[in-house]
Each structure stands twice: as structure tokens, then as C-alpha cells.
Amino acid sequence: MAARRDRLDGFGAGALFSVALLLAINQIVVKLVNVGLQPVFFAGLRSALAIGFVTLWMWSRGRPPVIRREHILPGLLIGTMFAAEFLFLFLAIDLTTVGRAAVIFYSMPVWFSLMAHFGLAGERLTPIRAIGLGFAFTGTAIAILSRGTGIGPQGSLAGDLCALAGALGWAATAYVARASRLSKAGAEMQLFWMVLVSAPILLAVSPLFGPLTRDLHPLHIVGLLFQASIIVTGGFISWLWLLSVYPAATVASFSFLTPLLSVCLGWALFGESLSGVFLLAAGMVAAGIVMLNRRTA
């Protein structure tokens, strides 16, 4: 296990940027695979495959998954929240632009901070964090209400609201991870519960959202495998490892890079419209996230 460090070094900065870029690429992959697979079915398949990848990872680390009685109820709850998070995110990316979905989805610290303020010890909002919450909340509202006027995909209100619902699901997932008995089970076991429970839920409800396949090609299968292995197992566990080595506030502050990178990738790859108002909203969300992760008044 790596030694704990009290400040960010060159390796840590490079690793954090790489993970942020990987998570931004994740949004692009979802958009591409949605062409071949119905979004909710895709999310369910991803979780189902990820069960195997996460289990193999835990076995390789000498810590195979163990289901304990006291973890069953919080495990079911965290898995249900995880299912809601990605049901709405995958639908959002299908209905709106990558950039809009990412900016709104990564408003998650706003909603988690509010939940934590009232429900977690030591997580009260300080003045600077309250200002950050206001910035991020306002930026999210502007992002949802603004409508592009340029050339290229413009997004939709339905998709934007799905991204917001996904952010709320993400915040609830994080809250359960912190507030329940699963907090002592370790991040890898939490992730195991997330994919174990979300897979059957998503697969069961997926027929309600239309045909399970669309214009399916081998590239979409590759994207699915990339999601289940590299994104869920590699990306999420790498982020959790960085949290265990570097200061949590520093690591969390890097999360503002992901929506900004997603905006750039959506513009470059899909020609998504970027209005000045929307870019202002993205900047406000990013600034708010940085301030929300400050632990001093």
C-alpha cells in the first residue's frame, strides 16, 4: 500500500489529470455505444460485466468480496441509488449533448454537500463552501435553462433534467457510502455492491425504454467492454486509490476538469454547440466545485 502524502506531487497531478480525462472520454463512449444499444440496457450490461471485473480485481488483491449480513440492507440501498444514477446519466447522454450532460451531472458536489450538511458529522458548510455551493447551483440552473443558438446539436430539456436526476443519484450513492455501515467495508466492496445490485435492476427495467438493441455493430460491443473494464473497474478504483494516498480535498477538486474536458471533446468530436452563456455556466460549476472542496473557512 502506498504511503499517505500530505501534498500533491508530479505523479499525483499527472494521475489525477489522466483519470479526469478517462472519465471525460467515458461520456463520449456512452454517446457512441447508445447508437447500438438502448441506454438503460447498456447500463445494465455494463454493471453485469463489471461484477466479474471487480471480483477478479479484488481476488488479485487478496481481498475477495464477502457479503456480510450487516451490509445487506445498505448494500441494496447503495446499489439501487447507483442504478438510478446511471439510468438517468445514460438516458441524458442519449437525449442531450455530451457537454451539457457532463456539466449538469458533475454538479453532484452541490447536492452531496447539502445532504452532508444535515446528515454527516463534520461536514457543515463553511462560508467559503456555502459561496461555492451558490456558484455551482447557479451555474447548473443556467446550464439547464440556456439553449444553444449556434450550429450543431443543441441538447434537450428532458436530457438536461435526466442529467440532474443522475447527479442526485450520484450524491445519494456517495451519502449512503459515507453514512451507512458500508463505510467500514472499503471502497472496493462498496463498488462490488453497486454493480451487483444495479445490474439486475437496470436489466429488469430496460424493456420499458424501448427495443434493447438499435443499430448494433462490433464497435459498440468493444465500447461496452471498455466501459465495464477500464471505466468502472480501472477508472473508479484508480480514483479511489488516489483518494487513499493524496488529500481528499485536492483529489476532489480535480473533478472540475472532467466536465470541462467533456465539453471540449463534445465540441471537437460531435460538433456540439457552445454558447457563451453555457460556457459561463460551466465555469461557475467548476469554480463552485473547487470551493466546495475547501475544508477551511
C-alpha atoms as a PDB file:
ATOM      1  CA  MET A   1       0.000   0.000   0.000  1.00  0.00           C
ATOM      2  CA  ALA A   2       1.352   3.414  -0.966  1.00  0.00           C
ATOM      3  CA  ALA A   3       2.354   5.821   1.791  1.00  0.00           C
ATOM      4  CA  ARG A   4      -0.027   8.657   2.542  1.00  0.00           C
ATOM      5  CA  ARG A   5       1.167  12.036   1.213  1.00  0.00           C
ATOM      6  CA  ASP A   6       0.184  15.425   2.558  1.00  0.00           C
ATOM      7  CA  ARG A   7       0.585  17.289  -0.729  1.00  0.00           C
ATOM      8  CA  LEU A   8       0.199  16.702  -4.442  1.00  0.00           C
ATOM      9  CA  ASP A   9       3.360  15.748  -6.350  1.00  0.00           C
ATOM     10  CA  GLY A  10       4.055  15.466 -10.073  1.00  0.00           C
ATOM     11  CA  PHE A  11       2.950  11.848 -10.299  1.00  0.00           C
ATOM     12  CA  GLY A  12      -0.274  12.589  -8.451  1.00  0.00           C
ATOM     13  CA  ALA A  13      -1.103  15.576 -10.663  1.00  0.00           C
ATOM     14  CA  GLY A  14      -0.476  13.524 -13.800  1.00  0.00           C
ATOM     15  CA  ALA A  15      -2.527  10.606 -12.495  1.00  0.00           C
ATOM     16  CA  LEU A  16      -5.418  12.861 -11.492  1.00  0.00           C
ATOM     17  CA  PHE A  17      -5.460  14.546 -14.891  1.00  0.00           C
ATOM     18  CA  SER A  18      -5.373  11.128 -16.598  1.00  0.00           C
ATOM     19  CA  VAL A  19      -8.322   9.849 -14.576  1.00  0.00           C
ATOM     20  CA  ALA A  20     -10.274  13.072 -15.223  1.00  0.00           C
ATOM     21  CA  LEU A  21      -9.599  12.668 -18.957  1.00  0.00           C
ATOM     22  CA  LEU A  22     -10.625   8.996 -18.822  1.00  0.00           C
ATOM     23  CA  LEU A  23     -13.918   9.913 -17.168  1.00  0.00           C
ATOM     24  CA  ALA A  24     -14.494  12.588 -19.831  1.00  0.00           C
ATOM     25  CA  ILE A  25     -13.835  10.006 -22.555  1.00  0.00           C
ATOM     26  CA  ASN A  26     -16.382   7.854 -20.734  1.00  0.00           C
ATOM     27  CA  GLN A  27     -19.134  10.297 -21.757  1.00  0.00           C
ATOM     28  CA  ILE A  28     -18.018  10.047 -25.389  1.00  0.00           C
ATOM     29  CA  VAL A  29     -18.052   6.243 -25.293  1.00  0.00           C
ATOM     30  CA  VAL A  30     -21.565   6.234 -23.814  1.00  0.00           C
ATOM     31  CA  LYS A  31     -22.774   8.514 -26.616  1.00  0.00           C
ATOM     32  CA  LEU A  32     -21.263   6.204 -29.242  1.00  0.00           C
ATOM     33  CA  VAL A  33     -22.498   2.923 -27.737  1.00  0.00           C
ATOM     34  CA  ASN A  34     -26.014   4.351 -27.313  1.00  0.00           C
ATOM     35  CA  VAL A  35     -26.232   4.219 -31.111  1.00  0.00           C
ATOM     36  CA  GLY A  36     -26.124   0.418 -30.941  1.00  0.00           C
ATOM     37  CA  LEU A  37     -27.606  -0.381 -27.526  1.00  0.00           C
ATOM     38  CA  GLN A  38     -30.606   1.084 -25.737  1.00  0.00           C
ATOM     39  CA  PRO A  39     -29.144   3.240 -22.929  1.00  0.00           C
ATOM     40  CA  VAL A  40     -30.705   1.518 -19.895  1.00  0.00           C
ATOM     41  CA  PHE A  41     -29.944  -1.942 -21.286  1.00  0.00           C
ATOM     42  CA  PHE A  42     -26.387  -0.772 -21.963  1.00  0.00           C
ATOM     43  CA  ALA A  43     -26.038   0.436 -18.364  1.00  0.00           C
ATOM     44  CA  GLY A  44     -27.328  -2.905 -17.064  1.00  0.00           C
ATOM     45  CA  LEU A  45     -24.956  -4.928 -19.233  1.00  0.00           C
ATOM     46  CA  ARG A  46     -22.084  -2.744 -18.080  1.00  0.00           C
ATOM     47  CA  SER A  47     -22.846  -3.406 -14.418  1.00  0.00           C
ATOM     48  CA  ALA A  48     -23.308  -7.135 -15.064  1.00  0.00           C
ATOM     49  CA  LEU A  49     -19.921  -7.430 -16.772  1.00  0.00           C
ATOM     50  CA  ALA A  50     -18.310  -5.208 -14.142  1.00  0.00           C
ATOM     51  CA  ILE A  51     -19.272  -7.705 -11.416  1.00  0.00           C
ATOM     52  CA  GLY A  52     -16.755 -10.121 -12.915  1.00  0.00           C
ATOM     53  CA  PHE A  53     -14.041  -7.500 -13.438  1.00  0.00           C
ATOM     54  CA  VAL A  54     -14.391  -6.092  -9.899  1.00  0.00           C
ATOM     55  CA  THR A  55     -14.391  -9.606  -8.411  1.00  0.00           C
ATOM     56  CA  LEU A  56     -11.220 -10.528 -10.312  1.00  0.00           C
ATOM     57  CA  TRP A  57      -9.559  -7.322  -9.160  1.00  0.00           C
ATOM     58  CA  MET A  58     -10.450  -7.992  -5.517  1.00  0.00           C
ATOM     59  CA  TRP A  59      -9.220 -11.592  -5.726  1.00  0.00           C
ATOM     60  CA  SER A  60      -5.939 -10.402  -7.251  1.00  0.00           C
ATOM     61  CA  ARG A  61      -5.518  -8.048  -4.292  1.00  0.00           C
ATOM     62  CA  GLY A  62      -6.097 -10.867  -1.819  1.00  0.00           C
ATOM     63  CA  ARG A  63      -9.404  -9.371  -0.668  1.00  0.00           C
ATOM     64  CA  PRO A  64     -12.212 -11.388  -2.304  1.00  0.00           C
ATOM     65  CA  PRO A  65     -15.726  -9.991  -1.884  1.00  0.00           C
ATOM     66  CA  VAL A  66     -17.501 -11.140   1.270  1.00  0.00           C
ATOM     67  CA  ILE A  67     -21.216 -10.481   1.759  1.00  0.00           C
ATOM     68  CA  ARG A  68     -21.915  -9.806   5.433  1.00  0.00           C
ATOM     69  CA  ARG A  69     -25.385  -9.730   6.972  1.00  0.00           C
ATOM     70  CA  GLU A  70     -24.971  -6.194   8.322  1.00  0.00           C
ATOM     71  CA  HIS A  71     -24.124  -4.948   4.829  1.00  0.00           C
ATOM     72  CA  ILE A  72     -27.149  -6.396   3.033  1.00  0.00           C
ATOM     73  CA  LEU A  73     -29.606  -3.522   3.583  1.00  0.00           C
ATOM     74  CA  PRO A  74     -27.114  -0.690   2.919  1.00  0.00           C
ATOM     75  CA  GLY A  75     -25.740  -2.738   0.017  1.00  0.00           C
ATOM     76  CA  LEU A  76     -29.183  -2.994  -1.549  1.00  0.00           C
ATOM     77  CA  LEU A  77     -29.716   0.729  -0.998  1.00  0.00           C
ATOM     78  CA  ILE A  78     -26.377   1.834  -2.462  1.00  0.00           C
ATOM     79  CA  GLY A  79     -26.872  -0.460  -5.447  1.00  0.00           C
ATOM     80  CA  THR A  80     -30.335   0.969  -6.080  1.00  0.00           C
ATOM     81  CA  MET A  81     -29.001   4.533  -5.946  1.00  0.00           C
ATOM     82  CA  PHE A  82     -26.168   3.537  -8.296  1.00  0.00           C
ATOM     83  CA  ALA A  83     -28.736   2.068 -10.707  1.00  0.00           C
ATOM     84  CA  ALA A  84     -30.754   5.297 -10.665  1.00  0.00           C
ATOM     85  CA  GLU A  85     -27.599   7.360 -11.175  1.00  0.00           C
ATOM     86  CA  PHE A  86     -26.594   5.589 -14.365  1.00  0.00           C
ATOM     87  CA  LEU A  87     -30.093   5.010 -15.691  1.00  0.00           C
ATOM     88  CA  PHE A  88     -30.551   8.772 -15.793  1.00  0.00           C
ATOM     89  CA  LEU A  89     -26.999   9.566 -16.941  1.00  0.00           C
ATOM     90  CA  PHE A  90     -27.117   7.169 -19.904  1.00  0.00           C
ATOM     91  CA  LEU A  91     -30.550   8.499 -20.872  1.00  0.00           C
ATOM     92  CA  ALA A  92     -29.253  12.065 -20.521  1.00  0.00           C
ATOM     93  CA  ILE A  93     -26.330  11.459 -22.870  1.00  0.00           C
ATOM     94  CA  ASP A  94     -28.784   9.930 -25.350  1.00  0.00           C
ATOM     95  CA  LEU A  95     -31.138  12.916 -25.197  1.00  0.00           C
ATOM     96  CA  THR A  96     -28.831  15.907 -24.797  1.00  0.00           C
ATOM     97  CA  THR A  97     -25.266  16.822 -25.715  1.00  0.00           C
ATOM     98  CA  VAL A  98     -22.222  15.313 -24.020  1.00  0.00           C
ATOM     99  CA  GLY A  99     -21.083  18.709 -22.763  1.00  0.00           C
ATOM    100  CA  ARG A 100     -24.431  19.651 -21.236  1.00  0.00           C
ATOM    101  CA  ALA A 101     -24.885  16.238 -19.608  1.00  0.00           C
ATOM    102  CA  ALA A 102     -21.382  16.347 -18.109  1.00  0.00           C
ATOM    103  CA  VAL A 103     -21.647  19.871 -16.665  1.00  0.00           C
ATOM    104  CA  ILE A 104     -25.029  19.182 -15.068  1.00  0.00           C
ATOM    105  CA  PHE A 105     -24.106  15.677 -13.872  1.00  0.00           C
ATOM    106  CA  TYR A 106     -20.917  16.954 -12.240  1.00  0.00           C
ATOM    107  CA  SER A 107     -22.954  19.362 -10.150  1.00  0.00           C
ATOM    108  CA  MET A 108     -23.125  16.366  -7.797  1.00  0.00           C
ATOM    109  CA  PRO A 109     -20.993  18.065  -5.062  1.00  0.00           C
ATOM    110  CA  VAL A 110     -23.771  20.641  -4.659  1.00  0.00           C
ATOM    111  CA  TRP A 111     -26.361  18.034  -3.730  1.00  0.00           C
ATOM    112  CA  PHE A 112     -23.945  15.914  -1.697  1.00  0.00           C
ATOM    113  CA  SER A 113     -22.839  18.966   0.289  1.00  0.00           C
ATOM    114  CA  LEU A 114     -26.446  19.737   1.163  1.00  0.00           C
ATOM    115  CA  MET A 115     -27.097  16.149   2.235  1.00  0.00           C
ATOM    116  CA  ALA A 116     -23.868  16.017   4.229  1.00  0.00           C
ATOM    117  CA  HIS A 117     -24.525  19.372   5.895  1.00  0.00           C
ATOM    118  CA  PHE A 118     -27.669  17.994   7.521  1.00  0.00           C
ATOM    119  CA  GLY A 119     -26.718  14.336   7.895  1.00  0.00           C
ATOM    120  CA  LEU A 120     -22.970  13.831   8.374  1.00  0.00           C
ATOM    121  CA  ALA A 121     -20.841  14.875  11.320  1.00  0.00           C
ATOM    122  CA  GLY A 122     -18.002  17.254  10.445  1.00  0.00           C
ATOM    123  CA  GLU A 123     -19.498  18.173   7.055  1.00  0.00           C
ATOM    124  CA  ARG A 124     -21.109  21.504   7.926  1.00  0.00           C
ATOM    125  CA  LEU A 125     -20.943  24.160   5.244  1.00  0.00           C
ATOM    126  CA  THR A 126     -18.312  26.825   5.951  1.00  0.00           C
ATOM    127  CA  PRO A 127     -18.727  30.344   4.483  1.00  0.00           C
ATOM    128  CA  ILE A 128     -16.393  29.655   1.542  1.00  0.00           C
ATOM    129  CA  ARG A 129     -18.087  26.333   0.811  1.00  0.00           C
ATOM    130  CA  ALA A 130     -21.505  27.972   1.006  1.00  0.00           C
ATOM    131  CA  ILE A 131     -20.370  30.504  -1.604  1.00  0.00           C
ATOM    132  CA  GLY A 132     -19.105  27.621  -3.744  1.00  0.00           C
ATOM    133  CA  LEU A 133     -22.474  25.893  -3.414  1.00  0.00           C
ATOM    134  CA  GLY A 134     -24.167  29.067  -4.604  1.00  0.00           C
ATOM    135  CA  PHE A 135     -21.825  29.345  -7.595  1.00  0.00           C
ATOM    136  CA  ALA A 136     -22.319  25.728  -8.634  1.00  0.00           C
ATOM    137  CA  PHE A 137     -26.087  25.818  -8.071  1.00  0.00           C
ATOM    138  CA  THR A 138     -26.451  28.974 -10.165  1.00  0.00           C
ATOM    139  CA  GLY A 139     -24.219  27.544 -12.886  1.00  0.00           C
ATOM    140  CA  THR A 140     -26.297  24.363 -13.019  1.00  0.00           C
ATOM    141  CA  ALA A 141     -29.523  26.348 -13.291  1.00  0.00           C
ATOM    142  CA  ILE A 142     -28.078  28.496 -16.090  1.00  0.00           C
ATOM    143  CA  ALA A 143     -26.853  25.383 -17.935  1.00  0.00           C
ATOM    144  CA  ILE A 144     -30.334  23.831 -17.811  1.00  0.00           C
ATOM    145  CA  LEU A 145     -32.194  26.994 -18.767  1.00  0.00           C
ATOM    146  CA  SER A 146     -29.823  28.151 -21.521  1.00  0.00           C
ATOM    147  CA  ARG A 147     -30.446  26.966 -25.048  1.00  0.00           C
ATOM    148  CA  GLY A 148     -27.819  26.959 -27.794  1.00  0.00           C
ATOM    149  CA  THR A 149     -28.317  29.108 -30.852  1.00  0.00           C
ATOM    150  CA  GLY A 150     -25.371  28.008 -32.969  1.00  0.00           C
ATOM    151  CA  ILE A 151     -24.823  25.243 -35.484  1.00  0.00           C
ATOM    152  CA  GLY A 152     -24.701  21.646 -34.254  1.00  0.00           C
ATOM    153  CA  PRO A 153     -26.504  19.546 -31.635  1.00  0.00           C
ATOM    154  CA  GLN A 154     -28.315  21.693 -29.087  1.00  0.00           C
ATOM    155  CA  GLY A 155     -29.480  19.213 -26.473  1.00  0.00           C
ATOM    156  CA  SER A 156     -32.904  18.979 -24.873  1.00  0.00           C
ATOM    157  CA  LEU A 157     -34.570  19.961 -21.623  1.00  0.00           C
ATOM    158  CA  ALA A 158     -35.578  16.327 -20.996  1.00  0.00           C
ATOM    159  CA  GLY A 159     -31.952  15.239 -21.331  1.00  0.00           C
ATOM    160  CA  ASP A 160     -30.722  18.052 -19.087  1.00  0.00           C
ATOM    161  CA  LEU A 161     -33.229  17.074 -16.386  1.00  0.00           C
ATOM    162  CA  CYS A 162     -32.137  13.437 -16.661  1.00  0.00           C
ATOM    163  CA  ALA A 163     -28.542  14.585 -16.076  1.00  0.00           C
ATOM    164  CA  LEU A 164     -29.714  16.456 -12.977  1.00  0.00           C
ATOM    165  CA  ALA A 165     -31.517  13.331 -11.731  1.00  0.00           C
ATOM    166  CA  GLY A 166     -28.305  11.375 -12.329  1.00  0.00           C
ATOM    167  CA  ALA A 167     -26.367  13.895 -10.241  1.00  0.00           C
ATOM    168  CA  LEU A 168     -28.870  13.459  -7.410  1.00  0.00           C
ATOM    169  CA  GLY A 169     -28.491   9.678  -7.685  1.00  0.00           C
ATOM    170  CA  TRP A 170     -24.705  10.030  -7.534  1.00  0.00           C
ATOM    171  CA  ALA A 171     -24.960  12.245  -4.444  1.00  0.00           C
ATOM    172  CA  ALA A 172     -27.282   9.730  -2.766  1.00  0.00           C
ATOM    173  CA  THR A 173     -24.868   6.907  -3.597  1.00  0.00           C
ATOM    174  CA  ALA A 174     -21.980   8.819  -2.013  1.00  0.00           C
ATOM    175  CA  TYR A 175     -24.109   9.667   1.014  1.00  0.00           C
ATOM    176  CA  VAL A 176     -25.016   6.007   1.633  1.00  0.00           C
ATOM    177  CA  ALA A 177     -21.336   5.064   1.244  1.00  0.00           C
ATOM    178  CA  ARG A 178     -20.425   7.551   3.986  1.00  0.00           C
ATOM    179  CA  ALA A 179     -23.415   7.292   6.325  1.00  0.00           C
ATOM    180  CA  SER A 180     -24.116   3.537   6.411  1.00  0.00           C
ATOM    181  CA  ARG A 181     -22.275   0.513   7.777  1.00  0.00           C
ATOM    182  CA  LEU A 182     -20.734   0.124   4.330  1.00  0.00           C
ATOM    183  CA  SER A 183     -18.397   2.994   5.202  1.00  0.00           C
ATOM    184  CA  LYS A 184     -16.191   0.464   7.010  1.00  0.00           C
ATOM    185  CA  ALA A 185     -16.332  -2.140   4.257  1.00  0.00           C
ATOM    186  CA  GLY A 186     -13.856  -0.367   1.981  1.00  0.00           C
ATOM    187  CA  ALA A 187     -14.261   1.320  -1.377  1.00  0.00           C
ATOM    188  CA  GLU A 188     -13.802  -1.859  -3.422  1.00  0.00           C
ATOM    189  CA  MET A 189     -16.560  -3.674  -1.526  1.00  0.00           C
ATOM    190  CA  GLN A 190     -18.822  -0.659  -1.947  1.00  0.00           C
ATOM    191  CA  LEU A 191     -18.211  -0.770  -5.699  1.00  0.00           C
ATOM    192  CA  PHE A 192     -18.928  -4.516  -5.681  1.00  0.00           C
ATOM    193  CA  TRP A 193     -22.329  -3.893  -4.059  1.00  0.00           C
ATOM    194  CA  MET A 194     -23.059  -1.114  -6.542  1.00  0.00           C
ATOM    195  CA  VAL A 195     -22.601  -3.272  -9.623  1.00  0.00           C
ATOM    196  CA  LEU A 196     -24.043  -6.429  -8.029  1.00  0.00           C
ATOM    197  CA  VAL A 197     -27.370  -4.771  -7.212  1.00  0.00           C
ATOM    198  CA  SER A 198     -27.621  -2.324 -10.109  1.00  0.00           C
ATOM    199  CA  ALA A 199     -27.184  -4.956 -12.825  1.00  0.00           C
ATOM    200  CA  PRO A 200     -30.472  -6.865 -12.242  1.00  0.00           C
ATOM    201  CA  ILE A 201     -32.399  -3.647 -11.578  1.00  0.00           C
ATOM    202  CA  LEU A 202     -31.283  -1.994 -14.812  1.00  0.00           C
ATOM    203  CA  LEU A 203     -31.720  -5.133 -16.901  1.00  0.00           C
ATOM    204  CA  ALA A 204     -35.207  -5.702 -15.451  1.00  0.00           C
ATOM    205  CA  VAL A 205     -36.485  -2.184 -16.228  1.00  0.00           C
ATOM    206  CA  SER A 206     -34.692  -1.785 -19.573  1.00  0.00           C
ATOM    207  CA  PRO A 207     -37.592  -3.195 -21.702  1.00  0.00           C
ATOM    208  CA  LEU A 208     -39.669  -0.226 -20.509  1.00  0.00           C
ATOM    209  CA  PHE A 209     -37.407   2.099 -22.502  1.00  0.00           C
ATOM    210  CA  GLY A 210     -37.813   0.521 -25.929  1.00  0.00           C
ATOM    211  CA  PRO A 211     -36.050  -2.155 -28.000  1.00  0.00           C
ATOM    212  CA  LEU A 212     -32.880  -3.424 -26.336  1.00  0.00           C
ATOM    213  CA  THR A 213     -30.709  -3.067 -29.433  1.00  0.00           C
ATOM    214  CA  ARG A 214     -30.527  -0.417 -32.095  1.00  0.00           C
ATOM    215  CA  ASP A 215     -28.047  -0.373 -34.971  1.00  0.00           C
ATOM    216  CA  LEU A 216     -25.631  -2.741 -33.226  1.00  0.00           C
ATOM    217  CA  HIS A 217     -22.083  -3.211 -34.575  1.00  0.00           C
ATOM    218  CA  PRO A 218     -18.897  -4.816 -33.160  1.00  0.00           C
ATOM    219  CA  LEU A 219     -17.561  -1.364 -32.233  1.00  0.00           C
ATOM    220  CA  HIS A 220     -20.440  -0.963 -29.767  1.00  0.00           C
ATOM    221  CA  ILE A 221     -19.521  -4.271 -28.089  1.00  0.00           C
ATOM    222  CA  VAL A 222     -15.938  -3.052 -27.769  1.00  0.00           C
ATOM    223  CA  GLY A 223     -17.252   0.141 -26.164  1.00  0.00           C
ATOM    224  CA  LEU A 224     -19.336  -1.911 -23.717  1.00  0.00           C
ATOM    225  CA  LEU A 225     -16.300  -3.972 -22.676  1.00  0.00           C
ATOM    226  CA  PHE A 226     -14.224  -0.793 -22.355  1.00  0.00           C
ATOM    227  CA  GLN A 227     -16.884   0.656 -20.063  1.00  0.00           C
ATOM    228  CA  ALA A 228     -17.111  -2.429 -17.833  1.00  0.00           C
ATOM    229  CA  SER A 229     -13.363  -2.987 -17.505  1.00  0.00           C
ATOM    230  CA  ILE A 230     -11.443   0.257 -17.964  1.00  0.00           C
ATOM    231  CA  ILE A 231     -14.043   2.782 -16.777  1.00  0.00           C
ATOM    232  CA  VAL A 232     -15.855   1.004 -13.937  1.00  0.00           C
ATOM    233  CA  THR A 233     -13.019  -1.152 -12.648  1.00  0.00           C
ATOM    234  CA  GLY A 234      -9.883   0.732 -13.686  1.00  0.00           C
ATOM    235  CA  GLY A 235     -11.107   4.326 -13.568  1.00  0.00           C
ATOM    236  CA  PHE A 236     -13.197   4.135 -10.411  1.00  0.00           C
ATOM    237  CA  ILE A 237     -10.614   2.116  -8.462  1.00  0.00           C
ATOM    238  CA  SER A 238      -7.785   4.411  -9.599  1.00  0.00           C
ATOM    239  CA  TRP A 239      -9.743   7.401  -8.326  1.00  0.00           C
ATOM    240  CA  LEU A 240     -10.362   5.638  -5.018  1.00  0.00           C
ATOM    241  CA  TRP A 241      -6.643   4.783  -4.754  1.00  0.00           C
ATOM    242  CA  LEU A 242      -5.709   8.419  -5.331  1.00  0.00           C
ATOM    243  CA  LEU A 243      -8.122   9.402  -2.558  1.00  0.00           C
ATOM    244  CA  SER A 244      -6.334   6.993  -0.224  1.00  0.00           C
ATOM    245  CA  VAL A 245      -2.888   8.496  -0.957  1.00  0.00           C
ATOM    246  CA  TYR A 246      -3.418  12.243  -1.508  1.00  0.00           C
ATOM    247  CA  PRO A 247      -5.500  14.808   0.426  1.00  0.00           C
ATOM    248  CA  ALA A 248      -9.189  14.209  -0.281  1.00  0.00           C
ATOM    249  CA  ALA A 249      -9.944  17.892  -0.945  1.00  0.00           C
ATOM    250  CA  THR A 250      -7.143  18.111  -3.512  1.00  0.00           C
ATOM    251  CA  VAL A 251      -8.267  14.957  -5.316  1.00  0.00           C
ATOM    252  CA  ALA A 252     -11.918  16.016  -5.300  1.00  0.00           C
ATOM    253  CA  SER A 253     -11.057  19.455  -6.647  1.00  0.00           C
ATOM    254  CA  PHE A 254      -9.711  17.832  -9.810  1.00  0.00           C
ATOM    255  CA  SER A 255     -13.258  16.641 -10.571  1.00  0.00           C
ATOM    256  CA  PHE A 256     -13.940  20.057 -12.130  1.00  0.00           C
ATOM    257  CA  LEU A 257     -11.668  19.034 -15.019  1.00  0.00           C
ATOM    258  CA  THR A 258     -13.942  16.222 -16.193  1.00  0.00           C
ATOM    259  CA  PRO A 259     -16.952  18.315 -17.295  1.00  0.00           C
ATOM    260  CA  LEU A 260     -14.656  20.903 -18.909  1.00  0.00           C
ATOM    261  CA  LEU A 261     -12.829  18.171 -20.829  1.00  0.00           C
ATOM    262  CA  SER A 262     -16.187  16.633 -21.775  1.00  0.00           C
ATOM    263  CA  VAL A 263     -17.342  19.975 -23.179  1.00  0.00           C
ATOM    264  CA  CYS A 264     -14.181  20.211 -25.298  1.00  0.00           C
ATOM    265  CA  LEU A 265     -14.471  16.610 -26.531  1.00  0.00           C
ATOM    266  CA  GLY A 266     -18.163  17.013 -27.367  1.00  0.00           C
ATOM    267  CA  TRP A 267     -17.383  20.130 -29.391  1.00  0.00           C
ATOM    268  CA  ALA A 268     -14.385  18.548 -31.160  1.00  0.00           C
ATOM    269  CA  LEU A 269     -15.902  15.125 -31.935  1.00  0.00           C
ATOM    270  CA  PHE A 270     -19.623  15.809 -32.330  1.00  0.00           C
ATOM    271  CA  GLY A 271     -19.658  19.485 -33.292  1.00  0.00           C
ATOM    272  CA  GLU A 272     -21.760  20.355 -30.249  1.00  0.00           C
ATOM    273  CA  SER A 273     -22.837  23.985 -29.965  1.00  0.00           C
ATOM    274  CA  LEU A 274     -21.109  26.029 -27.248  1.00  0.00           C
ATOM    275  CA  SER A 275     -22.776  29.327 -26.399  1.00  0.00           C
ATOM    276  CA  GLY A 276     -21.097  31.952 -24.271  1.00  0.00           C
ATOM    277  CA  VAL A 277     -23.833  31.579 -21.649  1.00  0.00           C
ATOM    278  CA  PHE A 278     -23.284  27.841 -21.386  1.00  0.00           C
ATOM    279  CA  LEU A 279     -19.507  28.249 -21.078  1.00  0.00           C
ATOM    280  CA  LEU A 280     -20.121  30.758 -18.279  1.00  0.00           C
ATOM    281  CA  ALA A 281     -22.359  28.207 -16.564  1.00  0.00           C
ATOM    282  CA  ALA A 282     -19.680  25.512 -16.893  1.00  0.00           C
ATOM    283  CA  GLY A 283     -17.098  27.850 -15.392  1.00  0.00           C
ATOM    284  CA  MET A 284     -19.384  28.656 -12.455  1.00  0.00           C
ATOM    285  CA  VAL A 285     -19.970  24.950 -11.746  1.00  0.00           C
ATOM    286  CA  ALA A 286     -16.214  24.293 -11.889  1.00  0.00           C
ATOM    287  CA  ALA A 287     -15.423  27.204  -9.559  1.00  0.00           C
ATOM    288  CA  GLY A 288     -18.139  26.087  -7.185  1.00  0.00           C
ATOM    289  CA  ILE A 289     -16.776  22.536  -7.056  1.00  0.00           C
ATOM    290  CA  VAL A 290     -13.318  23.832  -6.143  1.00  0.00           C
ATOM    291  CA  MET A 291     -14.730  25.980  -3.329  1.00  0.00           C
ATOM    292  CA  LEU A 292     -16.979  23.178  -2.078  1.00  0.00           C
ATOM    293  CA  ASN A 293     -13.910  21.014  -1.561  1.00  0.00           C
ATOM    294  CA  ARG A 294     -12.219  23.616   0.636  1.00  0.00           C
ATOM    295  CA  ARG A 295     -12.166  22.486   4.240  1.00  0.00           C
ATOM    296  CA  THR A 296     -11.214  25.768   5.858  1.00  0.00           C
ATOM    297  CA  ALA A 297     -13.427  28.749   6.486  1.00  0.00           C
END
